[in-house]
Amino acid sequence: MNAQAWRLRAVYALRRLGLPGALGALCLLALLAFVLLEVRPAAQRLAGFADRMSALQRRAAEQTAPDGVPQTPDQQLLAFYDDFPATAEIADVLAGVHGIAQAQQLSLDLGEYAVEKTPGARLDRVRITLPVKGGYPQLRQLVFEALRLHPSLALESLSLRRDKVSDEVLDGRIVFRLYVEHGA
């Protein structure tokens, strides 16, 4: 059958249906178009939302407190600040860094320590500048171990210098930032 034959059959069927039947057929075609163009994509989006919601629910279940009660954002924020050392513990952190340097047989010259307070902030920053002499592997190990043992410590800068290429001893300057809880 060609296109002309299909058109003639459609015209014949519409004349037999009459005006009410033609309007009904037109409504059925409109409904089919609506289902294909609107309902199916919306159902697919809804299925995607359901998948995302179940993933978020799983993640929320993983972030529950040991007693099974989900932590509120305020509780999570308090727990975050609890991980920082108090101002009174600065000496302990510094002693830990010096202990790591001694274990690596590094020579630490007199360091500089400066507390920087930001008004209205919950955390203070302590800038620790350490002039150091030693081999590169030992210096790298010092930085690695200090950052591993003290998560509130951040490496701000590291500069190394040697006078000759053949020198194994490096002159270095390590600058750490230690974040401590303000007033704790």
Protein backbone atom coordinates (compact mmCIF):
# COMPACT_ATOMS: atom_id res chain seq x y z
CA MET A 1 0.00 0.00 0.00
CA ASN A 2 1.26 3.43 -0.83
CA ALA A 3 0.77 6.73 0.96
CA GLN A 4 -2.21 7.72 -1.22
CA ALA A 5 -4.05 4.54 -0.24
CA TRP A 6 -3.42 5.15 3.48
CA ARG A 7 -4.70 8.69 3.21
CA LEU A 8 -7.90 7.54 1.49
CA ARG A 9 -8.50 4.88 4.18
CA ALA A 10 -8.00 7.48 6.94
CA VAL A 11 -10.48 9.90 5.31
CA TYR A 12 -13.02 7.08 4.87
CA ALA A 13 -12.63 5.99 8.55
CA LEU A 14 -13.07 9.58 9.79
CA ARG A 15 -16.27 10.02 7.71
CA ARG A 16 -17.70 6.81 9.15
CA LEU A 17 -16.91 7.92 12.71
CA GLY A 18 -18.55 11.27 12.31
CA LEU A 19 -17.68 14.39 14.25
CA PRO A 20 -17.84 12.79 17.73
CA GLY A 21 -15.66 9.87 16.66
CA ALA A 22 -13.15 12.13 14.94
CA LEU A 23 -12.84 14.26 18.09
CA GLY A 24 -12.38 11.08 20.16
CA ALA A 25 -9.66 9.83 17.79
CA LEU A 26 -7.97 13.23 17.95
CA CYS A 27 -8.08 13.09 21.78
CA LEU A 28 -6.54 9.59 21.70
CA LEU A 29 -3.71 10.83 19.47
CA ALA A 30 -3.15 13.82 21.76
CA LEU A 31 -3.09 11.51 24.79
CA LEU A 32 -0.57 9.20 23.09
CA ALA A 33 1.66 12.17 22.26
CA PHE A 34 1.38 13.45 25.86
CA VAL A 35 2.36 10.05 27.26
CA LEU A 36 5.35 9.74 24.93
CA LEU A 37 6.57 13.32 25.31
CA GLU A 38 5.80 14.11 28.96
CA VAL A 39 4.87 11.12 31.11
CA ARG A 40 7.67 8.72 30.13
CA PRO A 41 10.50 11.27 30.61
CA ALA A 42 8.97 12.34 33.93
CA ALA A 43 8.85 8.71 35.06
CA GLN A 44 12.50 8.29 34.11
CA ARG A 45 13.43 11.45 36.07
CA LEU A 46 11.44 10.17 39.03
CA ALA A 47 13.34 6.86 38.92
CA GLY A 48 16.62 8.84 38.88
CA PHE A 49 15.46 10.86 41.90
CA ALA A 50 14.57 7.65 43.72
CA ASP A 51 18.06 6.26 43.05
CA ARG A 52 19.69 9.48 44.31
CA MET A 53 17.47 9.50 47.38
CA SER A 54 18.38 5.93 48.28
CA ALA A 55 22.08 6.78 47.85
CA LEU A 56 21.68 9.79 50.14
CA GLN A 57 19.84 7.66 52.68
CA ARG A 58 22.69 5.14 52.63
CA ARG A 59 25.21 7.93 53.12
CA ALA A 60 23.15 9.37 55.99
CA ALA A 61 23.01 5.93 57.59
CA GLU A 62 26.82 5.76 57.41
CA GLN A 63 27.06 9.12 59.19
CA THR A 64 25.08 8.06 62.20
CA ALA A 65 26.45 8.28 65.69
CA PRO A 66 27.42 5.06 67.48
CA ASP A 67 24.06 5.00 69.26
CA GLY A 68 22.29 4.97 65.87
CA VAL A 69 20.95 8.52 66.06
CA PRO A 70 21.84 10.55 62.97
CA GLN A 71 24.07 13.50 63.79
CA THR A 72 22.70 16.90 63.06
CA PRO A 73 24.90 19.36 61.16
CA ASP A 74 25.49 21.24 64.42
CA GLN A 75 26.67 18.05 66.11
CA GLN A 76 28.93 17.28 63.15
CA LEU A 77 30.41 20.79 63.37
CA LEU A 78 31.09 20.38 67.09
CA ALA A 79 32.75 17.02 66.43
CA PHE A 80 34.87 18.68 63.73
CA TYR A 81 36.15 21.33 66.15
CA ASP A 82 36.79 18.70 68.82
CA ASP A 83 39.47 17.20 66.57
CA PHE A 84 41.63 20.33 66.87
CA PRO A 85 44.05 20.64 69.78
CA ALA A 86 43.43 23.26 72.43
CA THR A 87 45.67 26.29 72.74
CA ALA A 88 47.24 24.71 75.82
CA GLU A 89 48.41 21.75 73.69
CA ILE A 90 50.61 23.82 71.35
CA ALA A 91 53.73 22.91 73.36
CA ASP A 92 52.91 19.19 73.04
CA VAL A 93 52.60 19.44 69.24
CA LEU A 94 55.88 21.39 69.03
CA ALA A 95 57.60 18.82 71.23
CA GLY A 96 56.27 16.10 68.92
CA VAL A 97 57.71 17.83 65.83
CA HIS A 98 61.07 18.30 67.59
CA GLY A 99 61.01 14.63 68.64
CA ILE A 100 60.49 13.57 65.02
CA ALA A 101 63.42 15.79 63.96
CA GLN A 102 65.66 14.22 66.61
CA ALA A 103 64.61 10.74 65.52
CA GLN A 104 65.62 11.65 61.95
CA GLN A 105 68.93 13.05 63.26
CA LEU A 106 68.19 16.51 61.91
CA SER A 107 69.71 19.68 63.26
CA LEU A 108 67.00 22.18 64.19
CA ASP A 109 68.10 25.73 64.76
CA LEU A 110 66.08 28.15 66.86
CA GLY A 111 62.56 28.21 65.45
CA GLU A 112 60.05 31.02 65.33
CA TYR A 113 56.51 30.61 66.61
CA ALA A 114 53.75 33.17 66.16
CA VAL A 115 50.09 32.88 67.15
CA GLU A 116 47.68 34.57 64.77
CA LYS A 117 44.20 35.22 66.13
CA THR A 118 41.27 36.02 63.88
CA PRO A 119 38.44 37.87 65.63
CA GLY A 120 35.22 35.89 65.58
CA ALA A 121 36.89 32.69 64.37
CA ARG A 122 36.79 29.40 66.24
CA LEU A 123 40.36 28.53 65.26
CA ASP A 124 43.65 30.29 65.86
CA ARG A 125 46.68 29.73 63.65
CA VAL A 126 50.20 29.17 64.91
CA ARG A 127 52.93 29.81 62.35
CA ILE A 128 55.91 27.55 63.04
CA THR A 129 59.11 28.37 61.14
CA LEU A 130 61.89 25.82 61.54
CA PRO A 131 65.38 26.30 60.07
CA VAL A 132 66.73 22.78 59.59
CA LYS A 133 69.86 21.03 58.30
CA GLY A 134 70.03 17.46 57.09
CA GLY A 135 69.67 15.04 54.24
CA TYR A 136 66.72 15.17 51.87
CA PRO A 137 65.23 11.78 52.92
CA GLN A 138 65.31 12.83 56.57
CA LEU A 139 63.72 16.21 55.82
CA ARG A 140 61.00 14.57 53.78
CA GLN A 141 60.37 12.05 56.56
CA LEU A 142 60.14 14.88 59.12
CA VAL A 143 57.42 16.62 57.11
CA PHE A 144 55.57 13.37 56.40
CA GLU A 145 55.60 12.17 60.02
CA ALA A 146 54.66 15.59 61.45
CA LEU A 147 51.64 15.86 59.13
CA ARG A 148 50.64 12.26 59.83
CA LEU A 149 50.85 12.55 63.62
CA HIS A 150 49.20 15.97 63.84
CA PRO A 151 46.24 16.29 61.43
CA SER A 152 45.70 19.92 62.47
CA LEU A 153 49.16 20.77 61.13
CA ALA A 154 49.52 22.05 57.56
CA LEU A 155 52.65 22.58 55.48
CA GLU A 156 52.77 26.20 54.39
CA SER A 157 56.14 26.23 52.66
CA LEU A 158 59.35 24.28 52.32
CA SER A 159 62.54 25.71 50.92
CA LEU A 160 65.73 23.72 50.50
CA ARG A 161 69.17 24.91 49.47
CA ARG A 162 72.61 23.44 49.09
CA ASP A 163 75.80 25.22 48.18
CA LYS A 164 77.20 22.59 45.82
CA VAL A 165 75.53 19.81 43.89
CA SER A 166 77.73 17.28 45.64
CA ASP A 167 76.64 18.42 49.14
CA GLU A 168 74.44 15.89 50.88
CA VAL A 169 73.47 18.22 53.71
CA LEU A 170 70.72 20.66 52.82
CA ASP A 171 69.87 23.92 54.51
CA GLY A 172 66.13 24.10 54.76
CA ARG A 173 63.33 26.21 56.09
CA ILE A 174 60.04 24.52 56.90
CA VAL A 175 56.97 26.57 57.70
CA PHE A 176 54.01 24.78 59.27
CA ARG A 177 50.60 26.15 60.22
CA LEU A 178 49.04 24.64 63.32
CA TYR A 179 45.32 25.19 63.76
CA VAL A 180 44.17 25.21 67.38
CA GLU A 181 40.78 25.75 68.93
CA HIS A 182 40.43 29.34 70.06
CA GLY A 183 40.23 29.77 73.79
CA ALA A 184 40.04 26.03 74.50
